[in-house]
Amino acid sequence: MVYFNADGKESTMCGNGGRCLVRFAQFLEIISQDATFEAIDGMHHAKVIDATAISLQMSDVTEMRIENSYVYTNTGSPHHVQLTENLVDV
């Protein structure tokens, strides 16, 4: 799996993209239920649970910071999570 961000730059593996990849491979009848694929951060294993769920093994979290207004975590791809009261104003 090769993943590109919206800016066109190659990036680390995307969990939702990985699930889409597995569902598409199943649709093309390349896999039935279990899949293994390689991404920039290594091998990933996936299993189709049913028509609405795919289990995907991700890399271990390598960093996590909990701050007053946000949480930062790195799952192989950096994530910034911040709650807000009024999203329209952000």
PDB file of N, CA and C in Angstrom:
ATOM      1  N   MET A   1       0.847  -1.175   0.000  1.00  0.00           N
ATOM      2  CA  MET A   1       0.000   0.000   0.000  1.00  0.00           C
ATOM      3  C   MET A   1       0.888   1.232   0.000  1.00  0.00           C
ATOM      4  N   VAL A   2       0.657   2.110  -0.931  1.00  0.00           N
ATOM      5  CA  VAL A   2       1.344   3.397  -0.964  1.00  0.00           C
ATOM      6  C   VAL A   2       0.260   4.449  -0.771  1.00  0.00           C
ATOM      7  N   TYR A   3       0.459   5.320   0.225  1.00  0.00           N
ATOM      8  CA  TYR A   3      -0.549   6.312   0.574  1.00  0.00           C
ATOM      9  C   TYR A   3      -0.001   7.715   0.335  1.00  0.00           C
ATOM     10  N   PHE A   4      -0.804   8.552  -0.293  1.00  0.00           N
ATOM     11  CA  PHE A   4      -0.422   9.935  -0.548  1.00  0.00           C
ATOM     12  C   PHE A   4      -1.414  10.865   0.143  1.00  0.00           C
ATOM     13  N   ASN A   5      -0.909  11.880   0.840  1.00  0.00           N
ATOM     14  CA  ASN A   5      -1.759  12.905   1.428  1.00  0.00           C
ATOM     15  C   ASN A   5      -2.362  13.766   0.322  1.00  0.00           C
ATOM     16  N   ALA A   6      -3.309  14.624   0.697  1.00  0.00           N
ATOM     17  CA  ALA A   6      -3.977  15.492  -0.268  1.00  0.00           C
ATOM     18  C   ALA A   6      -2.995  16.429  -0.985  1.00  0.00           C
ATOM     19  N   ASP A   7      -1.850  16.730  -0.324  1.00  0.00           N
ATOM     20  CA  ASP A   7      -0.863  17.611  -0.953  1.00  0.00           C
ATOM     21  C   ASP A   7       0.035  16.875  -1.947  1.00  0.00           C
ATOM     22  N   GLY A   8      -0.199  15.572  -2.135  1.00  0.00           N
ATOM     23  CA  GLY A   8       0.555  14.787  -3.099  1.00  0.00           C
ATOM     24  C   GLY A   8       1.807  14.137  -2.550  1.00  0.00           C
ATOM     25  N   LYS A   9       2.128  14.373  -1.277  1.00  0.00           N
ATOM     26  CA  LYS A   9       3.324  13.792  -0.678  1.00  0.00           C
ATOM     27  C   LYS A   9       3.012  12.416  -0.104  1.00  0.00           C
ATOM     28  N   GLU A  10       3.956  11.487  -0.284  1.00  0.00           N
ATOM     29  CA  GLU A  10       3.794  10.150   0.277  1.00  0.00           C
ATOM     30  C   GLU A  10       3.792  10.246   1.801  1.00  0.00           C
ATOM     31  N   SER A  11       2.954   9.444   2.423  1.00  0.00           N
ATOM     32  CA  SER A  11       2.822   9.494   3.872  1.00  0.00           C
ATOM     33  C   SER A  11       2.790   8.086   4.440  1.00  0.00           C
ATOM     34  N   THR A  12       2.668   8.015   5.752  1.00  0.00           N
ATOM     35  CA  THR A  12       2.589   6.723   6.428  1.00  0.00           C
ATOM     36  C   THR A  12       1.234   6.079   6.172  1.00  0.00           C
ATOM     37  N   MET A  13       1.111   4.838   6.582  1.00  0.00           N
ATOM     38  CA  MET A  13      -0.104   4.066   6.346  1.00  0.00           C
ATOM     39  C   MET A  13      -1.317   4.717   6.992  1.00  0.00           C
ATOM     40  N   CYS A  14      -2.410   4.752   6.278  1.00  0.00           N
ATOM     41  CA  CYS A  14      -3.673   5.311   6.745  1.00  0.00           C
ATOM     42  C   CYS A  14      -4.602   4.154   7.115  1.00  0.00           C
ATOM     43  N   GLY A  15      -5.106   4.162   8.352  1.00  0.00           N
ATOM     44  CA  GLY A  15      -5.979   3.077   8.809  1.00  0.00           C
ATOM     45  C   GLY A  15      -7.237   2.939   7.974  1.00  0.00           C
ATOM     46  N   ASN A  16      -7.913   4.046   7.714  1.00  0.00           N
ATOM     47  CA  ASN A  16      -9.131   3.973   6.899  1.00  0.00           C
ATOM     48  C   ASN A  16      -8.806   3.564   5.463  1.00  0.00           C
ATOM     49  N   GLY A  17      -7.698   4.069   4.936  1.00  0.00           N
ATOM     50  CA  GLY A  17      -7.277   3.658   3.597  1.00  0.00           C
ATOM     51  C   GLY A  17      -6.945   2.175   3.539  1.00  0.00           C
ATOM     52  N   GLY A  18      -6.311   1.667   4.603  1.00  0.00           N
ATOM     53  CA  GLY A  18      -6.001   0.238   4.675  1.00  0.00           C
ATOM     54  C   GLY A  18      -7.253  -0.618   4.672  1.00  0.00           C
ATOM     55  N   ARG A  19      -8.267  -0.173   5.403  1.00  0.00           N
ATOM     56  CA  ARG A  19      -9.541  -0.906   5.416  1.00  0.00           C
ATOM     57  C   ARG A  19     -10.193  -0.883   4.029  1.00  0.00           C
ATOM     58  N   CYS A  20     -10.126   0.264   3.362  1.00  0.00           N
ATOM     59  CA  CYS A  20     -10.662   0.355   2.000  1.00  0.00           C
ATOM     60  C   CYS A  20      -9.916  -0.577   1.056  1.00  0.00           C
ATOM     61  N   LEU A  21      -8.592  -0.624   1.206  1.00  0.00           N
ATOM     62  CA  LEU A  21      -7.768  -1.510   0.386  1.00  0.00           C
ATOM     63  C   LEU A  21      -8.203  -2.963   0.543  1.00  0.00           C
ATOM     64  N   VAL A  22      -8.431  -3.381   1.776  1.00  0.00           N
ATOM     65  CA  VAL A  22      -8.847  -4.764   2.048  1.00  0.00           C
ATOM     66  C   VAL A  22     -10.227  -5.037   1.470  1.00  0.00           C
ATOM     67  N   ARG A  23     -11.165  -4.106   1.666  1.00  0.00           N
ATOM     68  CA  ARG A  23     -12.516  -4.298   1.112  1.00  0.00           C
ATOM     69  C   ARG A  23     -12.460  -4.373  -0.415  1.00  0.00           C
ATOM     70  N   PHE A  24     -11.638  -3.545  -1.046  1.00  0.00           N
ATOM     71  CA  PHE A  24     -11.516  -3.554  -2.506  1.00  0.00           C
ATOM     72  C   PHE A  24     -10.899  -4.863  -2.984  1.00  0.00           C
ATOM     73  N   ALA A  25      -9.880  -5.354  -2.262  1.00  0.00           N
ATOM     74  CA  ALA A  25      -9.268  -6.649  -2.633  1.00  0.00           C
ATOM     75  C   ALA A  25     -10.296  -7.770  -2.521  1.00  0.00           C
ATOM     76  N   GLN A  26     -11.161  -7.681  -1.518  1.00  0.00           N
ATOM     77  CA  GLN A  26     -12.225  -8.687  -1.391  1.00  0.00           C
ATOM     78  C   GLN A  26     -13.214  -8.553  -2.555  1.00  0.00           C
ATOM     79  N   PHE A  27     -13.594  -7.325  -2.892  1.00  0.00           N
ATOM     80  CA  PHE A  27     -14.515  -7.079  -4.005  1.00  0.00           C
ATOM     81  C   PHE A  27     -13.953  -7.656  -5.309  1.00  0.00           C
ATOM     82  N   LEU A  28     -12.644  -7.499  -5.514  1.00  0.00           N
ATOM     83  CA  LEU A  28     -11.999  -8.031  -6.723  1.00  0.00           C
ATOM     84  C   LEU A  28     -11.725  -9.528  -6.641  1.00  0.00           C
ATOM     85  N   GLU A  29     -12.088 -10.136  -5.515  1.00  0.00           N
ATOM     86  CA  GLU A  29     -11.899 -11.563  -5.246  1.00  0.00           C
ATOM     87  C   GLU A  29     -10.428 -11.949  -5.210  1.00  0.00           C
ATOM     88  N   ILE A  30      -9.574 -11.012  -4.792  1.00  0.00           N
ATOM     89  CA  ILE A  30      -8.155 -11.288  -4.577  1.00  0.00           C
ATOM     90  C   ILE A  30      -7.974 -11.974  -3.230  1.00  0.00           C
ATOM     91  N   ILE A  31      -8.797 -11.610  -2.259  1.00  0.00           N
ATOM     92  CA  ILE A  31      -8.811 -12.245  -0.941  1.00  0.00           C
ATOM     93  C   ILE A  31     -10.240 -12.669  -0.625  1.00  0.00           C
ATOM     94  N   SER A  32     -10.380 -13.568   0.355  1.00  0.00           N
ATOM     95  CA  SER A  32     -11.725 -13.910   0.805  1.00  0.00           C
ATOM     96  C   SER A  32     -12.010 -13.225   2.138  1.00  0.00           C
ATOM     97  N   GLN A  33     -11.167 -13.495   3.154  1.00  0.00           N
ATOM     98  CA  GLN A  33     -11.404 -12.908   4.470  1.00  0.00           C
ATOM     99  C   GLN A  33     -10.149 -12.313   5.095  1.00  0.00           C
ATOM    100  N   ASP A  34      -9.005 -12.966   4.952  1.00  0.00           N
ATOM    101  CA  ASP A  34      -7.763 -12.525   5.580  1.00  0.00           C
ATOM    102  C   ASP A  34      -6.823 -11.920   4.541  1.00  0.00           C
ATOM    103  N   ALA A  35      -6.085 -10.890   4.984  1.00  0.00           N
ATOM    104  CA  ALA A  35      -5.148 -10.232   4.077  1.00  0.00           C
ATOM    105  C   ALA A  35      -3.912  -9.798   4.846  1.00  0.00           C
ATOM    106  N   THR A  36      -2.797  -9.789   4.159  1.00  0.00           N
ATOM    107  CA  THR A  36      -1.554  -9.228   4.664  1.00  0.00           C
ATOM    108  C   THR A  36      -1.016  -8.323   3.566  1.00  0.00           C
ATOM    109  N   PHE A  37      -0.643  -7.103   3.962  1.00  0.00           N
ATOM    110  CA  PHE A  37      -0.085  -6.190   2.966  1.00  0.00           C
ATOM    111  C   PHE A  37       1.015  -5.360   3.601  1.00  0.00           C
ATOM    112  N   GLU A  38       1.888  -4.854   2.744  1.00  0.00           N
ATOM    113  CA  GLU A  38       3.011  -4.040   3.212  1.00  0.00           C
ATOM    114  C   GLU A  38       2.722  -2.569   2.939  1.00  0.00           C
ATOM    115  N   ALA A  39       3.058  -1.751   3.917  1.00  0.00           N
ATOM    116  CA  ALA A  39       2.963  -0.292   3.778  1.00  0.00           C
ATOM    117  C   ALA A  39       4.322   0.286   4.169  1.00  0.00           C
ATOM    118  N   ILE A  40       4.447   1.577   4.120  1.00  0.00           N
ATOM    119  CA  ILE A  40       5.723   2.242   4.393  1.00  0.00           C
ATOM    120  C   ILE A  40       6.259   1.913   5.789  1.00  0.00           C
ATOM    121  N   ASP A  41       5.355   1.594   6.733  1.00  0.00           N
ATOM    122  CA  ASP A  41       5.771   1.308   8.106  1.00  0.00           C
ATOM    123  C   ASP A  41       5.843  -0.180   8.412  1.00  0.00           C
ATOM    124  N   GLY A  42       5.752  -1.044   7.394  1.00  0.00           N
ATOM    125  CA  GLY A  42       5.895  -2.475   7.615  1.00  0.00           C
ATOM    126  C   GLY A  42       4.658  -3.260   7.203  1.00  0.00           C
ATOM    127  N   MET A  43       4.601  -4.493   7.699  1.00  0.00           N
ATOM    128  CA  MET A  43       3.518  -5.405   7.341  1.00  0.00           C
ATOM    129  C   MET A  43       2.287  -5.156   8.212  1.00  0.00           C
ATOM    130  N   HIS A  44       1.129  -5.344   7.605  1.00  0.00           N
ATOM    131  CA  HIS A  44      -0.152  -5.195   8.307  1.00  0.00           C
ATOM    132  C   HIS A  44      -1.027  -6.398   7.987  1.00  0.00           C
ATOM    133  N   HIS A  45      -1.754  -6.844   8.995  1.00  0.00           N
ATOM    134  CA  HIS A  45      -2.658  -7.977   8.831  1.00  0.00           C
ATOM    135  C   HIS A  45      -4.082  -7.477   9.028  1.00  0.00           C
ATOM    136  N   ALA A  46      -4.981  -7.979   8.203  1.00  0.00           N
ATOM    137  CA  ALA A  46      -6.371  -7.546   8.270  1.00  0.00           C
ATOM    138  C   ALA A  46      -7.288  -8.742   8.109  1.00  0.00           C
ATOM    139  N   LYS A  47      -8.492  -8.584   8.644  1.00  0.00           N
ATOM    140  CA  LYS A  47      -9.504  -9.632   8.525  1.00  0.00           C
ATOM    141  C   LYS A  47     -10.851  -8.976   8.290  1.00  0.00           C
ATOM    142  N   VAL A  48     -11.567  -9.465   7.282  1.00  0.00           N
ATOM    143  CA  VAL A  48     -12.922  -9.007   7.034  1.00  0.00           C
ATOM    144  C   VAL A  48     -13.819  -9.702   8.054  1.00  0.00           C
ATOM    145  N   ILE A  49     -14.469  -8.915   8.905  1.00  0.00           N
ATOM    146  CA  ILE A  49     -15.346  -9.460   9.941  1.00  0.00           C
ATOM    147  C   ILE A  49     -16.729  -9.736   9.359  1.00  0.00           C
ATOM    148  N   ASP A  50     -17.302  -8.749   8.709  1.00  0.00           N
ATOM    149  CA  ASP A  50     -18.601  -8.878   8.051  1.00  0.00           C
ATOM    150  C   ASP A  50     -18.718  -7.771   7.006  1.00  0.00           C
ATOM    151  N   ALA A  51     -19.919  -7.524   6.527  1.00  0.00           N
ATOM    152  CA  ALA A  51     -20.118  -6.532   5.463  1.00  0.00           C
ATOM    153  C   ALA A  51     -19.828  -5.103   5.916  1.00  0.00           C
ATOM    154  N   THR A  52     -19.750  -4.870   7.223  1.00  0.00           N
ATOM    155  CA  THR A  52     -19.554  -3.503   7.714  1.00  0.00           C
ATOM    156  C   THR A  52     -18.297  -3.312   8.548  1.00  0.00           C
ATOM    157  N   ALA A  53     -17.516  -4.372   8.787  1.00  0.00           N
ATOM    158  CA  ALA A  53     -16.360  -4.238   9.682  1.00  0.00           C
ATOM    159  C   ALA A  53     -15.138  -4.990   9.153  1.00  0.00           C
ATOM    160  N   ILE A  54     -13.984  -4.320   9.283  1.00  0.00           N
ATOM    161  CA  ILE A  54     -12.695  -4.919   8.944  1.00  0.00           C
ATOM    162  C   ILE A  54     -11.759  -4.647  10.106  1.00  0.00           C
ATOM    163  N   SER A  55     -11.133  -5.692  10.604  1.00  0.00           N
ATOM    164  CA  SER A  55     -10.141  -5.567  11.670  1.00  0.00           C
ATOM    165  C   SER A  55      -8.779  -5.361  11.017  1.00  0.00           C
ATOM    166  N   LEU A  56      -8.041  -4.345  11.473  1.00  0.00           N
ATOM    167  CA  LEU A  56      -6.753  -4.019  10.863  1.00  0.00           C
ATOM    168  C   LEU A  56      -5.708  -3.834  11.943  1.00  0.00           C
ATOM    169  N   GLN A  57      -4.634  -4.593  11.875  1.00  0.00           N
ATOM    170  CA  GLN A  57      -3.530  -4.477  12.819  1.00  0.00           C
ATOM    171  C   GLN A  57      -2.689  -3.284  12.409  1.00  0.00           C
ATOM    172  N   MET A  58      -2.508  -2.372  13.377  1.00  0.00           N
ATOM    173  CA  MET A  58      -1.744  -1.158  13.135  1.00  0.00           C
ATOM    174  C   MET A  58      -0.407  -1.243  13.880  1.00  0.00           C
ATOM    175  N   SER A  59       0.464  -0.284  13.618  1.00  0.00           N
ATOM    176  CA  SER A  59       1.721  -0.195  14.358  1.00  0.00           C
ATOM    177  C   SER A  59       1.445   0.251  15.789  1.00  0.00           C
ATOM    178  N   ASP A  60       2.364  -0.065  16.688  1.00  0.00           N
ATOM    179  CA  ASP A  60       2.237   0.382  18.071  1.00  0.00           C
ATOM    180  C   ASP A  60       2.339   1.903  18.140  1.00  0.00           C
ATOM    181  N   VAL A  61       1.645   2.488  19.097  1.00  0.00           N
ATOM    182  CA  VAL A  61       1.740   3.925  19.338  1.00  0.00           C
ATOM    183  C   VAL A  61       3.136   4.219  19.858  1.00  0.00           C
ATOM    184  N   THR A  62       3.854   5.145  19.222  1.00  0.00           N
ATOM    185  CA  THR A  62       5.244   5.441  19.598  1.00  0.00           C
ATOM    186  C   THR A  62       5.366   6.679  20.465  1.00  0.00           C
ATOM    187  N   GLU A  63       4.332   7.504  20.490  1.00  0.00           N
ATOM    188  CA  GLU A  63       4.407   8.739  21.266  1.00  0.00           C
ATOM    189  C   GLU A  63       2.998   9.193  21.610  1.00  0.00           C
ATOM    190  N   MET A  64       2.848   9.726  22.833  1.00  0.00           N
ATOM    191  CA  MET A  64       1.567  10.295  23.233  1.00  0.00           C
ATOM    192  C   MET A  64       1.820  11.431  24.207  1.00  0.00           C
ATOM    193  N   ARG A  65       1.195  12.581  23.939  1.00  0.00           N
ATOM    194  CA  ARG A  65       1.279  13.729  24.849  1.00  0.00           C
ATOM    195  C   ARG A  65      -0.136  14.187  25.157  1.00  0.00           C
ATOM    196  N   ILE A  66      -0.419  14.346  26.430  1.00  0.00           N
ATOM    197  CA  ILE A  66      -1.712  14.863  26.850  1.00  0.00           C
ATOM    198  C   ILE A  66      -1.488  16.274  27.377  1.00  0.00           C
ATOM    199  N   GLU A  67      -2.041  17.247  26.687  1.00  0.00           N
ATOM    200  CA  GLU A  67      -1.905  18.646  27.061  1.00  0.00           C
ATOM    201  C   GLU A  67      -3.256  19.148  27.573  1.00  0.00           C
ATOM    202  N   ASN A  68      -3.307  20.405  28.005  1.00  0.00           N
ATOM    203  CA  ASN A  68      -4.555  20.962  28.534  1.00  0.00           C
ATOM    204  C   ASN A  68      -5.679  20.993  27.504  1.00  0.00           C
ATOM    205  N   SER A  69      -5.358  21.355  26.276  1.00  0.00           N
ATOM    206  CA  SER A  69      -6.418  21.540  25.291  1.00  0.00           C
ATOM    207  C   SER A  69      -6.415  20.505  24.159  1.00  0.00           C
ATOM    208  N   TYR A  70      -5.466  19.607  24.155  1.00  0.00           N
ATOM    209  CA  TYR A  70      -5.421  18.614  23.077  1.00  0.00           C
ATOM    210  C   TYR A  70      -4.620  17.387  23.501  1.00  0.00           C
ATOM    211  N   VAL A  71      -4.737  16.349  22.696  1.00  0.00           N
ATOM    212  CA  VAL A  71      -3.934  15.134  22.842  1.00  0.00           C
ATOM    213  C   VAL A  71      -3.214  14.917  21.523  1.00  0.00           C
ATOM    214  N   TYR A  72      -1.937  14.606  21.602  1.00  0.00           N
ATOM    215  CA  TYR A  72      -1.142  14.276  20.416  1.00  0.00           C
ATOM    216  C   TYR A  72      -0.717  12.825  20.560  1.00  0.00           C
ATOM    217  N   THR A  73      -0.889  12.062  19.509  1.00  0.00           N
ATOM    218  CA  THR A  73      -0.425  10.683  19.515  1.00  0.00           C
ATOM    219  C   THR A  73       0.157  10.352  18.142  1.00  0.00           C
ATOM    220  N   ASN A  74       1.119   9.445  18.140  1.00  0.00           N
ATOM    221  CA  ASN A  74       1.731   9.017  16.886  1.00  0.00           C
ATOM    222  C   ASN A  74       1.512   7.520  16.744  1.00  0.00           C
ATOM    223  N   THR A  75       0.704   7.150  15.777  1.00  0.00           N
ATOM    224  CA  THR A  75       0.382   5.750  15.507  1.00  0.00           C
ATOM    225  C   THR A  75       1.142   5.251  14.275  1.00  0.00           C
ATOM    226  N   GLY A  76       2.218   5.948  13.949  1.00  0.00           N
ATOM    227  CA  GLY A  76       2.885   5.767  12.668  1.00  0.00           C
ATOM    228  C   GLY A  76       2.516   6.933  11.770  1.00  0.00           C
ATOM    229  N   SER A  77       1.410   7.552  12.091  1.00  0.00           N
ATOM    230  CA  SER A  77       0.938   8.773  11.464  1.00  0.00           C
ATOM    231  C   SER A  77       0.520   9.705  12.596  1.00  0.00           C
ATOM    232  N   PRO A  78       1.030  10.943  12.623  1.00  0.00           N
ATOM    233  CA  PRO A  78       0.711  11.828  13.741  1.00  0.00           C
ATOM    234  C   PRO A  78      -0.764  12.241  13.755  1.00  0.00           C
ATOM    235  N   HIS A  79      -1.346  12.272  14.959  1.00  0.00           N
ATOM    236  CA  HIS A  79      -2.742  12.679  15.148  1.00  0.00           C
ATOM    237  C   HIS A  79      -2.814  13.757  16.223  1.00  0.00           C
ATOM    238  N   HIS A  80      -3.532  14.816  15.936  1.00  0.00           N
ATOM    239  CA  HIS A  80      -3.808  15.890  16.898  1.00  0.00           C
ATOM    240  C   HIS A  80      -5.307  15.842  17.153  1.00  0.00           C
ATOM    241  N   VAL A  81      -5.704  15.623  18.416  1.00  0.00           N
ATOM    242  CA  VAL A  81      -7.117  15.511  18.770  1.00  0.00           C
ATOM    243  C   VAL A  81      -7.451  16.636  19.738  1.00  0.00           C
ATOM    244  N   GLN A  82      -8.440  17.416  19.384  1.00  0.00           N
ATOM    245  CA  GLN A  82      -8.815  18.553  20.216  1.00  0.00           C
ATOM    246  C   GLN A  82     -10.332  18.690  20.239  1.00  0.00           C
ATOM    247  N   LEU A  83     -10.902  18.728  21.439  1.00  0.00           N
ATOM    248  CA  LEU A  83     -12.339  18.924  21.580  1.00  0.00           C
ATOM    249  C   LEU A  83     -12.641  20.416  21.557  1.00  0.00           C
ATOM    250  N   THR A  84     -13.785  20.743  21.015  1.00  0.00           N
ATOM    251  CA  THR A  84     -14.188  22.139  20.970  1.00  0.00           C
ATOM    252  C   THR A  84     -15.688  22.239  21.244  1.00  0.00           C
ATOM    253  N   GLU A  85     -16.079  23.321  21.860  1.00  0.00           N
ATOM    254  CA  GLU A  85     -17.482  23.541  22.179  1.00  0.00           C
ATOM    255  C   GLU A  85     -18.286  23.997  20.965  1.00  0.00           C
ATOM    256  N   ASN A  86     -17.674  24.823  20.114  1.00  0.00           N
ATOM    257  CA  ASN A  86     -18.407  25.398  19.001  1.00  0.00           C
ATOM    258  C   ASN A  86     -17.564  25.286  17.732  1.00  0.00           C
ATOM    259  N   LEU A  87     -17.729  24.216  17.013  1.00  0.00           N
ATOM    260  CA  LEU A  87     -16.902  23.934  15.837  1.00  0.00           C
ATOM    261  C   LEU A  87     -17.034  25.002  14.761  1.00  0.00           C
ATOM    262  N   VAL A  88     -18.183  25.614  14.648  1.00  0.00           N
ATOM    263  CA  VAL A  88     -18.409  26.646  13.637  1.00  0.00           C
ATOM    264  C   VAL A  88     -17.444  27.810  13.813  1.00  0.00           C
ATOM    265  N   ASP A  89     -17.076  28.120  15.063  1.00  0.00           N
ATOM    266  CA  ASP A  89     -16.194  29.249  15.335  1.00  0.00           C
ATOM    267  C   ASP A  89     -14.708  28.918  15.191  1.00  0.00           C
ATOM    268  N   VAL A  90     -14.387  27.650  14.990  1.00  0.00           N
ATOM    269  CA  VAL A  90     -12.974  27.250  14.912  1.00  0.00           C
ATOM    270  C   VAL A  90     -12.471  27.414  13.487  1.00  0.00           C
TER     271      VAL A  90
END
